[in-house]
Amino acid sequence: MSPLNRTIGATLAGTAFAASALLSGIPAATASTAGVDSHSHGGWHYKVVFDYLDCHDNEDETGYDEVYMKVGHHTVWGPEDMDEGDHYSFKGWWGFKHDFKLTLWDEDQGHHDDEDDFLGHVWIEKHDYDEGWQYATFDHHGAHYELKYKVVRYWD
Protein backbone atom coordinates (compact mmCIF):
# COMPACT_ATOMS: atom_id res chain seq x y z
CA MET A 1 0.00 0.00 0.00
CA SER A 2 1.42 3.40 -0.91
CA PRO A 3 1.74 6.02 1.83
CA LEU A 4 -1.51 7.78 2.52
CA ASN A 5 -1.13 11.54 2.77
CA ARG A 6 -3.82 13.43 4.62
CA THR A 7 -4.16 16.99 5.80
CA ILE A 8 -5.69 17.60 9.16
CA GLY A 9 -6.76 21.22 8.44
CA ALA A 10 -10.42 21.18 9.43
CA THR A 11 -9.95 18.58 12.17
CA LEU A 12 -7.24 20.59 13.92
CA ALA A 13 -9.11 23.84 13.38
CA GLY A 14 -12.11 22.29 15.12
CA THR A 15 -10.09 21.05 18.09
CA ALA A 16 -7.57 23.90 18.25
CA PHE A 17 -10.05 26.22 19.93
CA ALA A 18 -10.97 23.72 22.64
CA ALA A 19 -7.41 22.46 23.08
CA SER A 20 -5.98 25.96 23.21
CA ALA A 21 -8.52 27.03 25.79
CA LEU A 22 -7.85 23.88 27.81
CA LEU A 23 -4.06 24.26 27.70
CA SER A 24 -4.04 27.95 28.50
CA GLY A 25 -6.53 27.57 31.33
CA ILE A 26 -9.16 29.80 29.71
CA PRO A 27 -12.79 28.69 29.76
CA ALA A 28 -13.70 27.90 26.16
CA ALA A 29 -16.52 30.46 26.16
CA THR A 30 -14.10 33.35 26.81
CA ALA A 31 -11.34 32.51 24.31
CA SER A 32 -11.91 34.48 21.12
CA THR A 33 -9.28 32.76 18.93
CA ALA A 34 -7.19 29.61 19.20
CA GLY A 35 -3.94 30.19 21.05
CA VAL A 36 -4.87 33.58 22.48
CA ASP A 37 -5.17 34.22 26.20
CA SER A 38 -7.53 37.20 26.40
CA HIS A 39 -6.57 37.83 30.05
CA SER A 40 -2.85 38.49 29.40
CA HIS A 41 -1.36 41.48 27.62
CA GLY A 42 2.22 42.40 26.84
CA GLY A 43 4.12 39.22 27.66
CA TRP A 44 5.69 36.07 26.29
CA HIS A 45 3.30 33.48 24.93
CA TYR A 46 3.96 29.95 23.69
CA LYS A 47 2.47 27.74 21.03
CA VAL A 48 3.23 24.29 19.75
CA VAL A 49 3.23 23.77 15.98
CA PHE A 50 2.68 20.21 14.77
CA ASP A 51 4.09 19.37 11.32
CA TYR A 52 3.28 15.68 10.83
CA LEU A 53 2.65 12.28 12.35
CA ASP A 54 4.23 9.31 10.54
CA CYS A 55 3.34 5.67 11.07
CA HIS A 56 6.42 3.49 10.56
CA ASP A 57 4.78 0.44 12.16
CA ASN A 58 1.21 0.20 13.43
CA GLU A 59 0.17 -1.54 16.64
CA ASP A 60 -2.79 -3.52 15.28
CA GLU A 61 -1.76 -6.70 13.46
CA THR A 62 -5.08 -7.05 11.65
CA GLY A 63 -5.58 -3.61 10.12
CA TYR A 64 -5.38 0.10 10.75
CA ASP A 65 -4.67 1.76 14.07
CA GLU A 66 -7.32 4.23 15.16
CA VAL A 67 -4.87 6.80 16.54
CA TYR A 68 -5.77 9.72 18.78
CA MET A 69 -3.96 12.25 21.00
CA LYS A 70 -4.87 13.25 24.54
CA VAL A 71 -3.87 15.96 26.97
CA GLY A 72 -4.83 14.72 30.42
CA HIS A 73 -8.22 13.03 30.04
CA HIS A 74 -9.22 15.13 27.03
CA THR A 75 -8.95 13.91 23.45
CA VAL A 76 -7.53 16.78 21.40
CA TRP A 77 -7.16 15.04 18.04
CA GLY A 78 -8.47 11.92 16.33
CA PRO A 79 -9.20 9.12 16.13
CA GLU A 80 -7.82 8.74 12.62
CA ASP A 81 -7.08 5.49 10.76
CA MET A 82 -3.33 5.02 10.19
CA ASP A 83 -1.36 2.12 8.78
CA GLU A 84 2.32 1.46 8.15
CA GLY A 85 3.67 4.09 5.73
CA ASP A 86 0.91 6.65 6.38
CA HIS A 87 1.80 10.33 6.78
CA TYR A 88 -0.58 12.83 8.41
CA SER A 89 0.11 16.55 7.86
CA PHE A 90 -1.11 19.07 10.42
CA LYS A 91 -2.15 22.66 9.67
CA GLY A 92 -2.36 24.75 12.82
CA TRP A 93 -1.04 25.32 16.30
CA TRP A 94 -2.12 25.24 19.94
CA GLY A 95 -1.34 27.98 22.42
CA PHE A 96 -0.38 26.96 25.95
CA LYS A 97 0.64 28.51 29.27
CA HIS A 98 1.90 25.43 31.11
CA ASP A 99 4.06 22.48 30.09
CA PHE A 100 1.91 19.45 29.28
CA LYS A 101 2.12 15.76 28.47
CA LEU A 102 0.73 14.76 25.08
CA THR A 103 -0.13 11.05 24.81
CA LEU A 104 -0.78 8.93 21.72
CA TRP A 105 -3.28 6.08 21.85
CA ASP A 106 -4.71 3.37 19.59
CA GLU A 107 -8.47 3.02 20.01
CA ASP A 108 -9.63 -0.57 20.40
CA GLN A 109 -13.24 -1.15 19.43
CA GLY A 110 -13.45 -4.78 20.46
CA HIS A 111 -14.77 -6.33 23.60
CA HIS A 112 -15.64 -4.21 26.61
CA ASP A 113 -12.55 -5.59 28.42
CA ASP A 114 -10.18 -4.54 25.60
CA GLU A 115 -8.79 -1.17 26.67
CA ASP A 116 -7.23 1.34 24.27
CA ASP A 117 -3.48 0.88 23.79
CA PHE A 118 -1.08 3.52 25.12
CA LEU A 119 1.54 4.15 22.41
CA GLY A 120 3.67 6.67 24.29
CA HIS A 121 3.96 10.31 25.36
CA VAL A 122 5.99 13.47 24.91
CA TRP A 123 6.32 16.47 27.21
CA ILE A 124 5.66 19.77 25.44
CA GLU A 125 7.65 22.34 27.41
CA LYS A 126 8.01 26.11 27.17
CA HIS A 127 11.80 26.02 27.58
CA ASP A 128 12.09 24.12 24.26
CA TYR A 129 11.13 27.23 22.26
CA ASP A 130 14.64 27.68 20.86
CA GLU A 131 15.18 24.02 19.90
CA GLY A 132 13.64 24.23 16.41
CA TRP A 133 11.88 21.17 14.99
CA GLN A 134 11.81 18.21 17.37
CA TYR A 135 10.84 14.59 16.91
CA ALA A 136 8.89 12.47 19.38
CA THR A 137 8.79 8.70 19.02
CA PHE A 138 5.83 6.66 20.22
CA ASP A 139 6.82 2.98 20.32
CA HIS A 140 4.84 1.13 22.98
CA HIS A 141 2.94 -2.09 22.11
CA GLY A 142 5.13 -2.71 19.04
CA ALA A 143 4.05 0.46 17.27
CA HIS A 144 6.42 3.07 15.85
CA TYR A 145 5.05 6.57 15.26
CA GLU A 146 7.00 9.80 14.81
CA LEU A 147 5.61 13.27 15.55
CA LYS A 148 7.43 16.36 14.25
CA TYR A 149 6.72 19.53 16.23
CA LYS A 150 8.25 22.74 17.52
CA VAL A 151 7.60 25.14 20.38
CA VAL A 152 7.44 28.83 19.45
CA ARG A 153 7.70 31.79 21.83
CA TYR A 154 6.24 35.13 20.77
CA TRP A 155 5.57 38.52 22.34
CA ASP A 156 2.02 39.80 22.54
C-alpha atoms as a PDB file:
ATOM      1  CA  MET A   1       0.000   0.000   0.000  1.00  0.00           C
ATOM      2  CA  SER A   2       1.415   3.397  -0.913  1.00  0.00           C
ATOM      3  CA  PRO A   3       1.740   6.018   1.826  1.00  0.00           C
ATOM      4  CA  LEU A   4      -1.509   7.780   2.517  1.00  0.00           C
ATOM      5  CA  ASN A   5      -1.130  11.544   2.775  1.00  0.00           C
ATOM      6  CA  ARG A   6      -3.823  13.427   4.619  1.00  0.00           C
ATOM      7  CA  THR A   7      -4.159  16.985   5.799  1.00  0.00           C
ATOM      8  CA  ILE A   8      -5.694  17.604   9.163  1.00  0.00           C
ATOM      9  CA  GLY A   9      -6.763  21.222   8.436  1.00  0.00           C
ATOM     10  CA  ALA A  10     -10.416  21.183   9.429  1.00  0.00           C
ATOM     11  CA  THR A  11      -9.947  18.582  12.169  1.00  0.00           C
ATOM     12  CA  LEU A  12      -7.235  20.585  13.915  1.00  0.00           C
ATOM     13  CA  ALA A  13      -9.114  23.837  13.381  1.00  0.00           C
ATOM     14  CA  GLY A  14     -12.107  22.288  15.122  1.00  0.00           C
ATOM     15  CA  THR A  15     -10.089  21.052  18.086  1.00  0.00           C
ATOM     16  CA  ALA A  16      -7.567  23.905  18.252  1.00  0.00           C
ATOM     17  CA  PHE A  17     -10.050  26.222  19.929  1.00  0.00           C
ATOM     18  CA  ALA A  18     -10.975  23.722  22.636  1.00  0.00           C
ATOM     19  CA  ALA A  19      -7.406  22.459  23.077  1.00  0.00           C
ATOM     20  CA  SER A  20      -5.976  25.962  23.206  1.00  0.00           C
ATOM     21  CA  ALA A  21      -8.517  27.031  25.793  1.00  0.00           C
ATOM     22  CA  LEU A  22      -7.852  23.878  27.806  1.00  0.00           C
ATOM     23  CA  LEU A  23      -4.058  24.257  27.703  1.00  0.00           C
ATOM     24  CA  SER A  24      -4.038  27.954  28.501  1.00  0.00           C
ATOM     25  CA  GLY A  25      -6.531  27.572  31.328  1.00  0.00           C
ATOM     26  CA  ILE A  26      -9.161  29.798  29.708  1.00  0.00           C
ATOM     27  CA  PRO A  27     -12.793  28.694  29.765  1.00  0.00           C
ATOM     28  CA  ALA A  28     -13.696  27.896  26.157  1.00  0.00           C
ATOM     29  CA  ALA A  29     -16.522  30.460  26.155  1.00  0.00           C
ATOM     30  CA  THR A  30     -14.097  33.347  26.805  1.00  0.00           C
ATOM     31  CA  ALA A  31     -11.338  32.507  24.313  1.00  0.00           C
ATOM     32  CA  SER A  32     -11.914  34.481  21.120  1.00  0.00           C
ATOM     33  CA  THR A  33      -9.283  32.765  18.933  1.00  0.00           C
ATOM     34  CA  ALA A  34      -7.189  29.611  19.204  1.00  0.00           C
ATOM     35  CA  GLY A  35      -3.937  30.187  21.046  1.00  0.00           C
ATOM     36  CA  VAL A  36      -4.865  33.578  22.484  1.00  0.00           C
ATOM     37  CA  ASP A  37      -5.173  34.217  26.200  1.00  0.00           C
ATOM     38  CA  SER A  38      -7.528  37.199  26.398  1.00  0.00           C
ATOM     39  CA  HIS A  39      -6.569  37.826  30.045  1.00  0.00           C
ATOM     40  CA  SER A  40      -2.846  38.492  29.402  1.00  0.00           C
ATOM     41  CA  HIS A  41      -1.362  41.477  27.618  1.00  0.00           C
ATOM     42  CA  GLY A  42       2.220  42.397  26.839  1.00  0.00           C
ATOM     43  CA  GLY A  43       4.123  39.219  27.665  1.00  0.00           C
ATOM     44  CA  TRP A  44       5.689  36.073  26.287  1.00  0.00           C
ATOM     45  CA  HIS A  45       3.304  33.483  24.925  1.00  0.00           C
ATOM     46  CA  TYR A  46       3.963  29.950  23.694  1.00  0.00           C
ATOM     47  CA  LYS A  47       2.475  27.745  21.032  1.00  0.00           C
ATOM     48  CA  VAL A  48       3.232  24.287  19.746  1.00  0.00           C
ATOM     49  CA  VAL A  49       3.232  23.765  15.983  1.00  0.00           C
ATOM     50  CA  PHE A  50       2.677  20.214  14.765  1.00  0.00           C
ATOM     51  CA  ASP A  51       4.088  19.367  11.323  1.00  0.00           C
ATOM     52  CA  TYR A  52       3.280  15.682  10.826  1.00  0.00           C
ATOM     53  CA  LEU A  53       2.651  12.277  12.353  1.00  0.00           C
ATOM     54  CA  ASP A  54       4.231   9.315  10.538  1.00  0.00           C
ATOM     55  CA  CYS A  55       3.336   5.671  11.066  1.00  0.00           C
ATOM     56  CA  HIS A  56       6.423   3.490  10.564  1.00  0.00           C
ATOM     57  CA  ASP A  57       4.777   0.443  12.160  1.00  0.00           C
ATOM     58  CA  ASN A  58       1.214   0.202  13.430  1.00  0.00           C
ATOM     59  CA  GLU A  59       0.171  -1.544  16.642  1.00  0.00           C
ATOM     60  CA  ASP A  60      -2.786  -3.522  15.279  1.00  0.00           C
ATOM     61  CA  GLU A  61      -1.765  -6.698  13.458  1.00  0.00           C
ATOM     62  CA  THR A  62      -5.077  -7.048  11.648  1.00  0.00           C
ATOM     63  CA  GLY A  63      -5.582  -3.608  10.116  1.00  0.00           C
ATOM     64  CA  TYR A  64      -5.378   0.098  10.748  1.00  0.00           C
ATOM     65  CA  ASP A  65      -4.669   1.758  14.072  1.00  0.00           C
ATOM     66  CA  GLU A  66      -7.323   4.229  15.157  1.00  0.00           C
ATOM     67  CA  VAL A  67      -4.871   6.801  16.536  1.00  0.00           C
ATOM     68  CA  TYR A  68      -5.770   9.724  18.781  1.00  0.00           C
ATOM     69  CA  MET A  69      -3.961  12.246  21.000  1.00  0.00           C
ATOM     70  CA  LYS A  70      -4.870  13.255  24.536  1.00  0.00           C
ATOM     71  CA  VAL A  71      -3.872  15.958  26.975  1.00  0.00           C
ATOM     72  CA  GLY A  72      -4.826  14.721  30.418  1.00  0.00           C
ATOM     73  CA  HIS A  73      -8.216  13.026  30.043  1.00  0.00           C
ATOM     74  CA  HIS A  74      -9.215  15.134  27.027  1.00  0.00           C
ATOM     75  CA  THR A  75      -8.949  13.912  23.446  1.00  0.00           C
ATOM     76  CA  VAL A  76      -7.528  16.785  21.404  1.00  0.00           C
ATOM     77  CA  TRP A  77      -7.160  15.036  18.036  1.00  0.00           C
ATOM     78  CA  GLY A  78      -8.470  11.922  16.331  1.00  0.00           C
ATOM     79  CA  PRO A  79      -9.197   9.118  16.132  1.00  0.00           C
ATOM     80  CA  GLU A  80      -7.818   8.738  12.618  1.00  0.00           C
ATOM     81  CA  ASP A  81      -7.079   5.490  10.762  1.00  0.00           C
ATOM     82  CA  MET A  82      -3.335   5.024  10.191  1.00  0.00           C
ATOM     83  CA  ASP A  83      -1.361   2.123   8.785  1.00  0.00           C
ATOM     84  CA  GLU A  84       2.315   1.458   8.147  1.00  0.00           C
ATOM     85  CA  GLY A  85       3.670   4.089   5.732  1.00  0.00           C
ATOM     86  CA  ASP A  86       0.913   6.646   6.376  1.00  0.00           C
ATOM     87  CA  HIS A  87       1.796  10.328   6.778  1.00  0.00           C
ATOM     88  CA  TYR A  88      -0.578  12.825   8.406  1.00  0.00           C
ATOM     89  CA  SER A  89       0.113  16.551   7.864  1.00  0.00           C
ATOM     90  CA  PHE A  90      -1.111  19.073  10.420  1.00  0.00           C
ATOM     91  CA  LYS A  91      -2.145  22.661   9.675  1.00  0.00           C
ATOM     92  CA  GLY A  92      -2.363  24.750  12.815  1.00  0.00           C
ATOM     93  CA  TRP A  93      -1.040  25.322  16.297  1.00  0.00           C
ATOM     94  CA  TRP A  94      -2.118  25.237  19.940  1.00  0.00           C
ATOM     95  CA  GLY A  95      -1.339  27.978  22.424  1.00  0.00           C
ATOM     96  CA  PHE A  96      -0.376  26.963  25.949  1.00  0.00           C
ATOM     97  CA  LYS A  97       0.643  28.512  29.274  1.00  0.00           C
ATOM     98  CA  HIS A  98       1.896  25.428  31.112  1.00  0.00           C
ATOM     99  CA  ASP A  99       4.055  22.478  30.092  1.00  0.00           C
ATOM    100  CA  PHE A 100       1.914  19.450  29.285  1.00  0.00           C
ATOM    101  CA  LYS A 101       2.120  15.763  28.474  1.00  0.00           C
ATOM    102  CA  LEU A 102       0.730  14.757  25.080  1.00  0.00           C
ATOM    103  CA  THR A 103      -0.134  11.052  24.808  1.00  0.00           C
ATOM    104  CA  LEU A 104      -0.778   8.926  21.717  1.00  0.00           C
ATOM    105  CA  TRP A 105      -3.285   6.075  21.848  1.00  0.00           C
ATOM    106  CA  ASP A 106      -4.709   3.365  19.590  1.00  0.00           C
ATOM    107  CA  GLU A 107      -8.465   3.019  20.009  1.00  0.00           C
ATOM    108  CA  ASP A 108      -9.625  -0.570  20.402  1.00  0.00           C
ATOM    109  CA  GLN A 109     -13.237  -1.147  19.435  1.00  0.00           C
ATOM    110  CA  GLY A 110     -13.446  -4.780  20.455  1.00  0.00           C
ATOM    111  CA  HIS A 111     -14.769  -6.332  23.595  1.00  0.00           C
ATOM    112  CA  HIS A 112     -15.639  -4.207  26.611  1.00  0.00           C
ATOM    113  CA  ASP A 113     -12.549  -5.591  28.419  1.00  0.00           C
ATOM    114  CA  ASP A 114     -10.178  -4.544  25.603  1.00  0.00           C
ATOM    115  CA  GLU A 115      -8.787  -1.167  26.669  1.00  0.00           C
ATOM    116  CA  ASP A 116      -7.226   1.337  24.272  1.00  0.00           C
ATOM    117  CA  ASP A 117      -3.479   0.877  23.792  1.00  0.00           C
ATOM    118  CA  PHE A 118      -1.083   3.519  25.124  1.00  0.00           C
ATOM    119  CA  LEU A 119       1.537   4.148  22.413  1.00  0.00           C
ATOM    120  CA  GLY A 120       3.673   6.674  24.288  1.00  0.00           C
ATOM    121  CA  HIS A 121       3.961  10.306  25.362  1.00  0.00           C
ATOM    122  CA  VAL A 122       5.990  13.467  24.906  1.00  0.00           C
ATOM    123  CA  TRP A 123       6.320  16.471  27.214  1.00  0.00           C
ATOM    124  CA  ILE A 124       5.664  19.768  25.441  1.00  0.00           C
ATOM    125  CA  GLU A 125       7.646  22.336  27.413  1.00  0.00           C
ATOM    126  CA  LYS A 126       8.011  26.112  27.172  1.00  0.00           C
ATOM    127  CA  HIS A 127      11.802  26.024  27.578  1.00  0.00           C
ATOM    128  CA  ASP A 128      12.090  24.124  24.256  1.00  0.00           C
ATOM    129  CA  TYR A 129      11.132  27.230  22.257  1.00  0.00           C
ATOM    130  CA  ASP A 130      14.639  27.683  20.858  1.00  0.00           C
ATOM    131  CA  GLU A 131      15.185  24.022  19.898  1.00  0.00           C
ATOM    132  CA  GLY A 132      13.641  24.231  16.409  1.00  0.00           C
ATOM    133  CA  TRP A 133      11.882  21.169  14.990  1.00  0.00           C
ATOM    134  CA  GLN A 134      11.810  18.210  17.369  1.00  0.00           C
ATOM    135  CA  TYR A 135      10.839  14.587  16.911  1.00  0.00           C
ATOM    136  CA  ALA A 136       8.891  12.473  19.379  1.00  0.00           C
ATOM    137  CA  THR A 137       8.787   8.698  19.016  1.00  0.00           C
ATOM    138  CA  PHE A 138       5.828   6.658  20.224  1.00  0.00           C
ATOM    139  CA  ASP A 139       6.821   2.982  20.317  1.00  0.00           C
ATOM    140  CA  HIS A 140       4.837   1.133  22.980  1.00  0.00           C
ATOM    141  CA  HIS A 141       2.936  -2.089  22.107  1.00  0.00           C
ATOM    142  CA  GLY A 142       5.134  -2.713  19.042  1.00  0.00           C
ATOM    143  CA  ALA A 143       4.045   0.462  17.265  1.00  0.00           C
ATOM    144  CA  HIS A 144       6.425   3.070  15.849  1.00  0.00           C
ATOM    145  CA  TYR A 145       5.052   6.570  15.261  1.00  0.00           C
ATOM    146  CA  GLU A 146       6.995   9.800  14.813  1.00  0.00           C
ATOM    147  CA  LEU A 147       5.614  13.272  15.552  1.00  0.00           C
ATOM    148  CA  LYS A 148       7.432  16.359  14.250  1.00  0.00           C
ATOM    149  CA  TYR A 149       6.716  19.533  16.231  1.00  0.00           C
ATOM    150  CA  LYS A 150       8.248  22.740  17.522  1.00  0.00           C
ATOM    151  CA  VAL A 151       7.598  25.143  20.377  1.00  0.00           C
ATOM    152  CA  VAL A 152       7.443  28.829  19.448  1.00  0.00           C
ATOM    153  CA  ARG A 153       7.703  31.787  21.830  1.00  0.00           C
ATOM    154  CA  TYR A 154       6.242  35.133  20.768  1.00  0.00           C
ATOM    155  CA  TRP A 155       5.567  38.520  22.340  1.00  0.00           C
ATOM    156  CA  ASP A 156       2.018  39.800  22.540  1.00  0.00           C
END
